[in-house]
Amino acid sequence: MNDFDTTAAPPANATVTAPAPRWLDAAEQQAWRAFLRMQAQLTARLGRDLQADSDLSLADYDVLVHLTDLDGGRRRILELARELDWEKSRMSHHLARMAKRGLIAREECSADGRGAFIVITPAGQAAIEAAAPRHVESVRRLVFDRLSADQVAVLAAVSEKILGGLENPDPCES
C-alpha cells in the first residue's frame, strides 16, 4: 500500500482516533481515477486549443463570458470572483493582466467609493466573439460528439448532483 492508495485499508498497527475512512472500492477507484485523468486532459486540451485559436487562456475566456452574461458587460470584482470560485488575490492578478492587454477595464463605483466594476472593453468583446465559435467547436468535438443524448443527460444529472452536494454539503438535504 502507498500513501495515496484509497482502496487499501490502513496498516493494522495504525492508531485510529477518528472514524475509519470509507475506502473506495475497486469500481469507485477506477471511476475516480478516470474522472481525474479526463478532467486534467480535457482542461489542458481545451486550454491549448483556445490559446492557439484566439490567444486567450481558459481563465481569460471564463472572465469574458461572465462579463458578457449581463447587459453592460460589467460586474463587481467580488461578485465575479465568487461566480468563478477564485480567491481574491488570483482574481486581482488575473484582472490586472487582462487590463494590460486591453480586454477589460476597471471602473470605480460612484455610489460606493470602496467598490469597483470590471467592464469588458471593445477589444475584449471582439476577442470573445472571435474565440467563442472555435471554442464551442472544440467542446463539441472533444465532448458532445462522443456522447449519445442519453449520456449527455446522465452527464448533466451527475454534474448537478455533485454540484448540489458541494453547495449544500449535508447529505440528508440532497
N, C-alpha and C. Protein backbone atom coordinates (compact mmCIF):
# COMPACT_ATOMS: atom_id res chain seq x y z
N MET A 1 0.85 -1.19 0.00
CA MET A 1 0.00 0.00 0.00
C MET A 1 0.88 1.24 0.00
N ASN A 2 0.51 2.24 -0.80
CA ASN A 2 1.22 3.51 -0.72
C ASN A 2 0.30 4.53 -0.06
N ASP A 3 0.85 5.69 0.25
CA ASP A 3 0.08 6.72 0.96
C ASP A 3 -1.11 7.24 0.16
N PHE A 4 -1.12 7.00 -1.14
CA PHE A 4 -2.15 7.58 -1.98
C PHE A 4 -3.16 6.57 -2.48
N ASP A 5 -3.06 5.33 -2.07
CA ASP A 5 -3.97 4.29 -2.49
C ASP A 5 -5.22 4.35 -1.63
N THR A 6 -6.31 4.80 -2.23
CA THR A 6 -7.55 4.98 -1.46
C THR A 6 -8.37 3.70 -1.38
N THR A 7 -7.87 2.60 -1.96
CA THR A 7 -8.63 1.36 -1.90
C THR A 7 -8.16 0.46 -0.76
N ALA A 8 -6.94 0.65 -0.30
CA ALA A 8 -6.39 -0.25 0.72
C ALA A 8 -6.74 0.22 2.12
N ALA A 9 -6.88 -0.74 3.01
CA ALA A 9 -7.13 -0.43 4.42
C ALA A 9 -5.83 0.05 5.06
N PRO A 10 -5.91 0.81 6.15
CA PRO A 10 -4.69 1.27 6.82
C PRO A 10 -3.98 0.09 7.47
N PRO A 11 -2.67 0.26 7.76
CA PRO A 11 -1.93 -0.82 8.41
C PRO A 11 -2.58 -1.20 9.74
N ALA A 12 -2.40 -2.46 10.14
CA ALA A 12 -3.01 -2.97 11.37
C ALA A 12 -2.51 -2.23 12.61
N ASN A 13 -1.29 -1.74 12.59
CA ASN A 13 -0.73 -1.06 13.77
C ASN A 13 -1.03 0.44 13.80
N ALA A 14 -1.85 0.93 12.89
CA ALA A 14 -2.16 2.36 12.85
C ALA A 14 -3.10 2.71 14.01
N THR A 15 -2.82 3.84 14.66
CA THR A 15 -3.68 4.32 15.73
C THR A 15 -4.82 5.11 15.10
N VAL A 16 -6.03 4.71 15.42
CA VAL A 16 -7.19 5.35 14.83
C VAL A 16 -7.88 6.18 15.91
N THR A 17 -7.94 7.49 15.66
CA THR A 17 -8.62 8.37 16.61
C THR A 17 -9.90 8.93 16.03
N ALA A 18 -10.04 8.81 14.74
CA ALA A 18 -11.24 9.30 14.07
C ALA A 18 -11.95 8.10 13.45
N PRO A 19 -13.18 8.29 13.01
CA PRO A 19 -13.86 7.18 12.34
C PRO A 19 -13.01 6.67 11.18
N ALA A 20 -13.07 5.39 10.95
CA ALA A 20 -12.30 4.79 9.86
C ALA A 20 -12.73 5.37 8.52
N PRO A 21 -11.77 5.63 7.63
CA PRO A 21 -12.12 6.13 6.30
C PRO A 21 -13.01 5.13 5.56
N ARG A 22 -13.89 5.65 4.77
CA ARG A 22 -14.73 4.80 3.93
C ARG A 22 -13.99 4.65 2.60
N TRP A 23 -13.10 3.65 2.52
CA TRP A 23 -12.24 3.46 1.36
C TRP A 23 -13.06 3.22 0.11
N LEU A 24 -12.54 3.66 -1.02
CA LEU A 24 -13.21 3.43 -2.29
C LEU A 24 -13.05 1.97 -2.69
N ASP A 25 -14.12 1.39 -3.23
CA ASP A 25 -13.99 0.03 -3.74
C ASP A 25 -13.33 0.12 -5.13
N ALA A 26 -13.06 -1.01 -5.73
CA ALA A 26 -12.33 -1.04 -7.00
C ALA A 26 -13.05 -0.26 -8.10
N ALA A 27 -14.36 -0.40 -8.19
CA ALA A 27 -15.12 0.31 -9.23
C ALA A 27 -15.10 1.82 -8.99
N GLU A 28 -15.26 2.22 -7.74
CA GLU A 28 -15.20 3.65 -7.41
C GLU A 28 -13.82 4.22 -7.68
N GLN A 29 -12.79 3.47 -7.32
CA GLN A 29 -11.42 3.92 -7.56
C GLN A 29 -11.16 4.08 -9.06
N GLN A 30 -11.60 3.13 -9.85
CA GLN A 30 -11.44 3.21 -11.30
C GLN A 30 -12.18 4.43 -11.86
N ALA A 31 -13.41 4.64 -11.41
CA ALA A 31 -14.19 5.78 -11.88
C ALA A 31 -13.54 7.10 -11.46
N TRP A 32 -13.06 7.16 -10.22
CA TRP A 32 -12.44 8.39 -9.72
C TRP A 32 -11.18 8.74 -10.50
N ARG A 33 -10.33 7.73 -10.71
CA ARG A 33 -9.09 7.99 -11.45
C ARG A 33 -9.36 8.36 -12.89
N ALA A 34 -10.34 7.72 -13.52
CA ALA A 34 -10.70 8.07 -14.89
C ALA A 34 -11.24 9.49 -14.95
N PHE A 35 -12.06 9.87 -13.97
CA PHE A 35 -12.58 11.23 -13.92
C PHE A 35 -11.44 12.24 -13.80
N LEU A 36 -10.48 11.98 -12.90
CA LEU A 36 -9.36 12.91 -12.71
C LEU A 36 -8.52 13.03 -13.99
N ARG A 37 -8.24 11.90 -14.65
CA ARG A 37 -7.48 11.95 -15.91
C ARG A 37 -8.25 12.72 -16.97
N MET A 38 -9.55 12.43 -17.08
CA MET A 38 -10.38 13.10 -18.08
C MET A 38 -10.41 14.61 -17.83
N GLN A 39 -10.63 14.99 -16.59
CA GLN A 39 -10.71 16.41 -16.25
C GLN A 39 -9.40 17.13 -16.59
N ALA A 40 -8.28 16.55 -16.19
CA ALA A 40 -6.98 17.17 -16.44
C ALA A 40 -6.69 17.26 -17.94
N GLN A 41 -6.91 16.16 -18.66
CA GLN A 41 -6.62 16.16 -20.09
C GLN A 41 -7.56 17.06 -20.87
N LEU A 42 -8.85 17.06 -20.51
CA LEU A 42 -9.81 17.91 -21.21
C LEU A 42 -9.51 19.38 -20.97
N THR A 43 -9.23 19.74 -19.73
CA THR A 43 -8.90 21.14 -19.42
C THR A 43 -7.64 21.58 -20.17
N ALA A 44 -6.63 20.73 -20.18
CA ALA A 44 -5.38 21.07 -20.88
C ALA A 44 -5.62 21.21 -22.38
N ARG A 45 -6.37 20.29 -22.96
CA ARG A 45 -6.61 20.33 -24.40
C ARG A 45 -7.44 21.55 -24.79
N LEU A 46 -8.51 21.82 -24.03
CA LEU A 46 -9.33 23.00 -24.33
C LEU A 46 -8.50 24.28 -24.18
N GLY A 47 -7.65 24.31 -23.17
CA GLY A 47 -6.78 25.47 -22.98
C GLY A 47 -5.81 25.67 -24.13
N ARG A 48 -5.18 24.58 -24.58
CA ARG A 48 -4.25 24.68 -25.72
C ARG A 48 -4.99 25.13 -26.98
N ASP A 49 -6.15 24.52 -27.24
CA ASP A 49 -6.92 24.89 -28.44
C ASP A 49 -7.32 26.36 -28.39
N LEU A 50 -7.82 26.80 -27.26
CA LEU A 50 -8.26 28.19 -27.13
C LEU A 50 -7.09 29.15 -27.31
N GLN A 51 -5.98 28.84 -26.68
CA GLN A 51 -4.80 29.70 -26.78
C GLN A 51 -4.31 29.77 -28.22
N ALA A 52 -4.27 28.63 -28.90
CA ALA A 52 -3.80 28.60 -30.29
C ALA A 52 -4.74 29.34 -31.23
N ASP A 53 -6.03 29.22 -30.98
CA ASP A 53 -7.03 29.82 -31.87
C ASP A 53 -7.26 31.30 -31.62
N SER A 54 -7.08 31.74 -30.36
CA SER A 54 -7.54 33.10 -30.04
C SER A 54 -6.60 33.91 -29.18
N ASP A 55 -5.53 33.31 -28.70
CA ASP A 55 -4.61 33.99 -27.78
C ASP A 55 -5.27 34.34 -26.45
N LEU A 56 -6.33 33.60 -26.10
CA LEU A 56 -6.97 33.73 -24.79
C LEU A 56 -6.72 32.46 -24.00
N SER A 57 -6.52 32.59 -22.70
CA SER A 57 -6.46 31.42 -21.83
C SER A 57 -7.88 31.04 -21.45
N LEU A 58 -8.04 29.84 -20.87
CA LEU A 58 -9.35 29.45 -20.37
C LEU A 58 -9.82 30.42 -19.29
N ALA A 59 -8.90 30.90 -18.47
CA ALA A 59 -9.26 31.86 -17.42
C ALA A 59 -9.75 33.17 -18.05
N ASP A 60 -9.05 33.66 -19.08
CA ASP A 60 -9.49 34.87 -19.79
C ASP A 60 -10.91 34.66 -20.33
N TYR A 61 -11.10 33.52 -20.97
CA TYR A 61 -12.39 33.21 -21.58
C TYR A 61 -13.49 33.18 -20.53
N ASP A 62 -13.22 32.54 -19.38
CA ASP A 62 -14.21 32.48 -18.31
C ASP A 62 -14.60 33.87 -17.83
N VAL A 63 -13.62 34.73 -17.63
CA VAL A 63 -13.90 36.10 -17.19
C VAL A 63 -14.75 36.82 -18.23
N LEU A 64 -14.35 36.73 -19.50
CA LEU A 64 -15.09 37.44 -20.55
C LEU A 64 -16.50 36.90 -20.70
N VAL A 65 -16.69 35.59 -20.57
CA VAL A 65 -18.04 35.01 -20.65
C VAL A 65 -18.91 35.57 -19.54
N HIS A 66 -18.37 35.62 -18.32
CA HIS A 66 -19.16 36.15 -17.20
C HIS A 66 -19.48 37.62 -17.38
N LEU A 67 -18.60 38.37 -18.01
CA LEU A 67 -18.88 39.79 -18.25
C LEU A 67 -19.93 39.98 -19.34
N THR A 68 -19.99 39.06 -20.29
CA THR A 68 -20.97 39.20 -21.37
C THR A 68 -22.33 38.63 -21.01
N ASP A 69 -22.43 37.97 -19.86
CA ASP A 69 -23.71 37.40 -19.44
C ASP A 69 -24.75 38.46 -19.10
N LEU A 70 -24.32 39.63 -18.72
CA LEU A 70 -25.23 40.72 -18.33
C LEU A 70 -25.13 41.88 -19.31
N ASP A 71 -26.25 42.57 -19.48
CA ASP A 71 -26.21 43.79 -20.28
C ASP A 71 -25.21 44.76 -19.67
N GLY A 72 -24.47 45.42 -20.49
CA GLY A 72 -23.49 46.38 -20.00
C GLY A 72 -22.11 45.78 -19.80
N GLY A 73 -22.02 44.45 -19.77
CA GLY A 73 -20.73 43.77 -19.67
C GLY A 73 -19.91 44.17 -18.46
N ARG A 74 -20.58 44.31 -17.32
CA ARG A 74 -19.85 44.74 -16.12
C ARG A 74 -20.32 43.98 -14.90
N ARG A 75 -19.36 43.73 -14.00
CA ARG A 75 -19.63 43.06 -12.74
C ARG A 75 -18.73 43.64 -11.67
N ARG A 76 -19.20 43.57 -10.44
CA ARG A 76 -18.33 43.91 -9.32
C ARG A 76 -17.25 42.83 -9.21
N ILE A 77 -16.07 43.23 -8.78
CA ILE A 77 -14.95 42.31 -8.71
C ILE A 77 -15.25 41.12 -7.79
N LEU A 78 -15.79 41.39 -6.61
CA LEU A 78 -16.06 40.29 -5.67
C LEU A 78 -17.15 39.36 -6.19
N GLU A 79 -18.13 39.89 -6.89
CA GLU A 79 -19.18 39.07 -7.49
C GLU A 79 -18.57 38.14 -8.55
N LEU A 80 -17.68 38.69 -9.37
CA LEU A 80 -17.01 37.91 -10.40
C LEU A 80 -16.15 36.82 -9.77
N ALA A 81 -15.42 37.15 -8.71
CA ALA A 81 -14.59 36.16 -8.01
C ALA A 81 -15.46 35.05 -7.44
N ARG A 82 -16.59 35.40 -6.88
CA ARG A 82 -17.50 34.40 -6.31
C ARG A 82 -18.06 33.49 -7.41
N GLU A 83 -18.46 34.08 -8.53
CA GLU A 83 -19.02 33.28 -9.62
C GLU A 83 -17.99 32.32 -10.21
N LEU A 84 -16.75 32.75 -10.29
CA LEU A 84 -15.69 31.90 -10.84
C LEU A 84 -15.06 31.00 -9.80
N ASP A 85 -15.40 31.23 -8.52
CA ASP A 85 -14.85 30.47 -7.40
C ASP A 85 -13.33 30.64 -7.33
N TRP A 86 -12.89 31.89 -7.48
CA TRP A 86 -11.47 32.25 -7.42
C TRP A 86 -11.19 33.00 -6.13
N GLU A 87 -9.98 32.83 -5.63
CA GLU A 87 -9.52 33.61 -4.49
C GLU A 87 -9.35 35.07 -4.93
N LYS A 88 -9.49 35.97 -3.98
CA LYS A 88 -9.40 37.40 -4.27
C LYS A 88 -8.06 37.76 -4.92
N SER A 89 -6.96 37.18 -4.44
CA SER A 89 -5.65 37.52 -5.00
C SER A 89 -5.51 37.01 -6.43
N ARG A 90 -6.00 35.81 -6.70
CA ARG A 90 -5.95 35.30 -8.08
C ARG A 90 -6.75 36.21 -9.00
N MET A 91 -7.95 36.59 -8.54
CA MET A 91 -8.80 37.46 -9.35
C MET A 91 -8.09 38.78 -9.64
N SER A 92 -7.54 39.38 -8.62
CA SER A 92 -6.87 40.67 -8.76
C SER A 92 -5.71 40.60 -9.76
N HIS A 93 -4.86 39.59 -9.61
CA HIS A 93 -3.72 39.44 -10.51
C HIS A 93 -4.15 39.16 -11.94
N HIS A 94 -5.14 38.29 -12.09
CA HIS A 94 -5.58 37.95 -13.45
C HIS A 94 -6.23 39.15 -14.13
N LEU A 95 -7.06 39.87 -13.40
CA LEU A 95 -7.70 41.05 -13.99
C LEU A 95 -6.67 42.11 -14.38
N ALA A 96 -5.62 42.25 -13.59
CA ALA A 96 -4.56 43.21 -13.92
C ALA A 96 -3.90 42.83 -15.24
N ARG A 97 -3.65 41.54 -15.43
CA ARG A 97 -3.04 41.09 -16.70
C ARG A 97 -3.98 41.31 -17.87
N MET A 98 -5.27 41.05 -17.67
CA MET A 98 -6.24 41.26 -18.75
C MET A 98 -6.39 42.75 -19.07
N ALA A 99 -6.33 43.60 -18.05
CA ALA A 99 -6.42 45.04 -18.28
C ALA A 99 -5.22 45.53 -19.08
N LYS A 100 -4.04 45.02 -18.80
CA LYS A 100 -2.84 45.42 -19.55
C LYS A 100 -2.97 45.05 -21.02
N ARG A 101 -3.70 43.98 -21.31
CA ARG A 101 -3.91 43.56 -22.70
C ARG A 101 -5.10 44.25 -23.33
N GLY A 102 -5.81 45.10 -22.56
CA GLY A 102 -6.92 45.86 -23.09
C GLY A 102 -8.23 45.10 -23.21
N LEU A 103 -8.34 43.93 -22.57
CA LEU A 103 -9.55 43.13 -22.67
C LEU A 103 -10.65 43.60 -21.72
N ILE A 104 -10.24 44.16 -20.59
CA ILE A 104 -11.19 44.64 -19.59
C ILE A 104 -10.67 45.97 -19.05
N ALA A 105 -11.56 46.68 -18.37
CA ALA A 105 -11.17 47.93 -17.70
C ALA A 105 -11.83 47.94 -16.32
N ARG A 106 -11.23 48.69 -15.44
CA ARG A 106 -11.77 48.84 -14.09
C ARG A 106 -12.46 50.19 -14.02
N GLU A 107 -13.68 50.18 -13.49
CA GLU A 107 -14.45 51.42 -13.29
C GLU A 107 -14.78 51.55 -11.82
N GLU A 108 -14.50 52.69 -11.26
CA GLU A 108 -14.87 52.94 -9.87
C GLU A 108 -16.38 53.08 -9.78
N CYS A 109 -16.93 52.67 -8.67
CA CYS A 109 -18.36 52.76 -8.43
C CYS A 109 -18.63 54.09 -7.74
N SER A 110 -19.36 54.97 -8.39
CA SER A 110 -19.61 56.29 -7.83
C SER A 110 -20.48 56.22 -6.57
N ALA A 111 -21.34 55.21 -6.48
CA ALA A 111 -22.22 55.08 -5.31
C ALA A 111 -21.49 54.49 -4.10
N ASP A 112 -20.38 53.83 -4.34
CA ASP A 112 -19.64 53.16 -3.28
C ASP A 112 -18.15 53.35 -3.55
N GLY A 113 -17.51 54.21 -2.82
CA GLY A 113 -16.11 54.53 -3.04
C GLY A 113 -15.17 53.35 -2.87
N ARG A 114 -15.62 52.31 -2.19
CA ARG A 114 -14.76 51.14 -1.98
C ARG A 114 -14.89 50.15 -3.11
N GLY A 115 -16.02 50.12 -3.77
CA GLY A 115 -16.27 49.10 -4.78
C GLY A 115 -15.81 49.52 -6.15
N ALA A 116 -15.63 48.53 -7.01
CA ALA A 116 -15.25 48.79 -8.39
C ALA A 116 -15.93 47.75 -9.27
N PHE A 117 -16.07 48.12 -10.52
CA PHE A 117 -16.62 47.23 -11.53
C PHE A 117 -15.51 46.83 -12.49
N ILE A 118 -15.64 45.64 -13.02
CA ILE A 118 -14.82 45.21 -14.14
C ILE A 118 -15.74 45.25 -15.35
N VAL A 119 -15.27 45.90 -16.41
CA VAL A 119 -16.08 46.12 -17.61
C VAL A 119 -15.33 45.55 -18.81
N ILE A 120 -16.06 44.84 -19.64
CA ILE A 120 -15.45 44.34 -20.87
C ILE A 120 -15.24 45.51 -21.82
N THR A 121 -14.10 45.56 -22.47
CA THR A 121 -13.78 46.63 -23.42
C THR A 121 -14.20 46.18 -24.82
N PRO A 122 -14.21 47.10 -25.79
CA PRO A 122 -14.47 46.67 -27.17
C PRO A 122 -13.47 45.60 -27.64
N ALA A 123 -12.22 45.69 -27.21
CA ALA A 123 -11.24 44.66 -27.58
C ALA A 123 -11.58 43.32 -26.93
N GLY A 124 -12.04 43.36 -25.70
CA GLY A 124 -12.46 42.13 -25.02
C GLY A 124 -13.68 41.53 -25.68
N GLN A 125 -14.63 42.38 -26.06
CA GLN A 125 -15.84 41.90 -26.75
C GLN A 125 -15.46 41.27 -28.09
N ALA A 126 -14.57 41.91 -28.82
CA ALA A 126 -14.12 41.35 -30.10
C ALA A 126 -13.40 40.01 -29.88
N ALA A 127 -12.60 39.92 -28.82
CA ALA A 127 -11.86 38.69 -28.55
C ALA A 127 -12.80 37.54 -28.23
N ILE A 128 -13.81 37.78 -27.41
CA ILE A 128 -14.74 36.70 -27.04
C ILE A 128 -15.60 36.31 -28.24
N GLU A 129 -15.99 37.28 -29.05
CA GLU A 129 -16.79 36.97 -30.24
C GLU A 129 -16.00 36.16 -31.25
N ALA A 130 -14.70 36.44 -31.35
CA ALA A 130 -13.86 35.67 -32.27
C ALA A 130 -13.55 34.28 -31.72
N ALA A 131 -13.36 34.17 -30.41
CA ALA A 131 -12.97 32.90 -29.79
C ALA A 131 -14.13 31.94 -29.63
N ALA A 132 -15.32 32.43 -29.36
CA ALA A 132 -16.45 31.56 -28.99
C ALA A 132 -16.78 30.49 -30.04
N PRO A 133 -16.87 30.81 -31.32
CA PRO A 133 -17.23 29.75 -32.28
C PRO A 133 -16.21 28.61 -32.31
N ARG A 134 -14.93 28.93 -32.27
CA ARG A 134 -13.90 27.88 -32.30
C ARG A 134 -13.88 27.11 -30.98
N HIS A 135 -14.08 27.81 -29.87
CA HIS A 135 -14.07 27.14 -28.57
C HIS A 135 -15.26 26.17 -28.46
N VAL A 136 -16.43 26.60 -28.86
CA VAL A 136 -17.59 25.70 -28.78
C VAL A 136 -17.41 24.51 -29.71
N GLU A 137 -16.74 24.72 -30.83
CA GLU A 137 -16.46 23.59 -31.72
C GLU A 137 -15.51 22.60 -31.06
N SER A 138 -14.52 23.08 -30.33
CA SER A 138 -13.61 22.19 -29.58
C SER A 138 -14.39 21.42 -28.52
N VAL A 139 -15.24 22.11 -27.79
CA VAL A 139 -16.05 21.44 -26.76
C VAL A 139 -16.93 20.37 -27.40
N ARG A 140 -17.55 20.72 -28.50
CA ARG A 140 -18.42 19.76 -29.19
C ARG A 140 -17.61 18.55 -29.66
N ARG A 141 -16.46 18.81 -30.31
CA ARG A 141 -15.64 17.72 -30.85
C ARG A 141 -15.09 16.82 -29.75
N LEU A 142 -14.62 17.42 -28.66
CA LEU A 142 -13.96 16.64 -27.60
C LEU A 142 -14.93 15.99 -26.62
N VAL A 143 -16.14 16.53 -26.49
CA VAL A 143 -17.07 16.00 -25.50
C VAL A 143 -18.37 15.51 -26.15
N PHE A 144 -19.15 16.42 -26.67
CA PHE A 144 -20.53 16.09 -27.03
C PHE A 144 -20.66 15.21 -28.27
N ASP A 145 -19.72 15.28 -29.21
CA ASP A 145 -19.78 14.39 -30.37
C ASP A 145 -19.51 12.94 -29.98
N ARG A 146 -18.96 12.72 -28.80
CA ARG A 146 -18.62 11.36 -28.35
C ARG A 146 -19.72 10.74 -27.49
N LEU A 147 -20.74 11.52 -27.17
CA LEU A 147 -21.79 11.06 -26.26
C LEU A 147 -23.13 10.99 -26.96
N SER A 148 -23.94 10.03 -26.55
CA SER A 148 -25.33 9.95 -27.03
C SER A 148 -26.16 10.98 -26.25
N ALA A 149 -27.37 11.20 -26.70
CA ALA A 149 -28.27 12.12 -25.99
C ALA A 149 -28.52 11.62 -24.56
N ASP A 150 -28.65 10.32 -24.38
CA ASP A 150 -28.85 9.75 -23.04
C ASP A 150 -27.62 10.00 -22.17
N GLN A 151 -26.43 9.85 -22.73
CA GLN A 151 -25.20 10.09 -21.96
C GLN A 151 -25.05 11.56 -21.58
N VAL A 152 -25.48 12.46 -22.47
CA VAL A 152 -25.45 13.89 -22.14
C VAL A 152 -26.38 14.16 -20.96
N ALA A 153 -27.54 13.55 -20.97
CA ALA A 153 -28.49 13.72 -19.87
C ALA A 153 -27.90 13.18 -18.56
N VAL A 154 -27.22 12.03 -18.62
CA VAL A 154 -26.59 11.46 -17.42
C VAL A 154 -25.46 12.37 -16.95
N LEU A 155 -24.64 12.85 -17.87
CA LEU A 155 -23.56 13.78 -17.50
C LEU A 155 -24.12 15.01 -16.80
N ALA A 156 -25.18 15.57 -17.33
CA ALA A 156 -25.81 16.74 -16.71
C ALA A 156 -26.34 16.40 -15.32
N ALA A 157 -27.02 15.28 -15.20
CA ALA A 157 -27.60 14.89 -13.91
C ALA A 157 -26.51 14.62 -12.87
N VAL A 158 -25.47 13.91 -13.25
CA VAL A 158 -24.38 13.61 -12.32
C VAL A 158 -23.68 14.91 -11.91
N SER A 159 -23.40 15.77 -12.86
CA SER A 159 -22.74 17.04 -12.56
C SER A 159 -23.57 17.88 -11.61
N GLU A 160 -24.87 17.98 -11.87
CA GLU A 160 -25.75 18.77 -11.00
C GLU A 160 -25.84 18.17 -9.60
N LYS A 161 -25.86 16.86 -9.52
CA LYS A 161 -25.92 16.18 -8.21
C LYS A 161 -24.66 16.48 -7.40
N ILE A 162 -23.50 16.38 -8.02
CA ILE A 162 -22.24 16.66 -7.32
C ILE A 162 -22.15 18.13 -6.97
N LEU A 163 -22.52 19.02 -7.89
CA LEU A 163 -22.51 20.46 -7.60
C LEU A 163 -23.45 20.79 -6.45
N GLY A 164 -24.60 20.15 -6.42
CA GLY A 164 -25.54 20.37 -5.33
C GLY A 164 -24.94 19.98 -3.99
N GLY A 165 -24.18 18.89 -3.97
CA GLY A 165 -23.52 18.47 -2.75
C GLY A 165 -22.41 19.41 -2.33
N LEU A 166 -21.74 20.00 -3.29
CA LEU A 166 -20.69 20.96 -2.96
C LEU A 166 -21.27 22.26 -2.41
N GLU A 167 -22.42 22.63 -2.92
CA GLU A 167 -23.08 23.86 -2.46
C GLU A 167 -23.82 23.63 -1.14
N ASN A 168 -24.27 22.40 -0.92
CA ASN A 168 -25.02 22.05 0.29
C ASN A 168 -24.48 20.72 0.79
N PRO A 169 -23.40 20.75 1.60
CA PRO A 169 -22.72 19.51 1.94
C PRO A 169 -23.48 18.54 2.86
N ASP A 170 -24.64 18.89 3.36
CA ASP A 170 -25.39 17.99 4.23
C ASP A 170 -26.06 16.92 3.36
N PRO A 171 -25.60 15.65 3.42
CA PRO A 171 -26.16 14.60 2.56
C PRO A 171 -27.64 14.34 2.81
N CYS A 172 -28.13 14.70 3.97
CA CYS A 172 -29.55 14.48 4.28
C CYS A 172 -30.45 15.44 3.52
N GLU A 173 -29.87 16.53 3.02
CA GLU A 173 -30.67 17.54 2.32
C GLU A 173 -30.53 17.45 0.81
N SER A 174 -29.72 16.54 0.29
CA SER A 174 -29.54 16.49 -1.16
C SER A 174 -30.47 15.51 -1.82
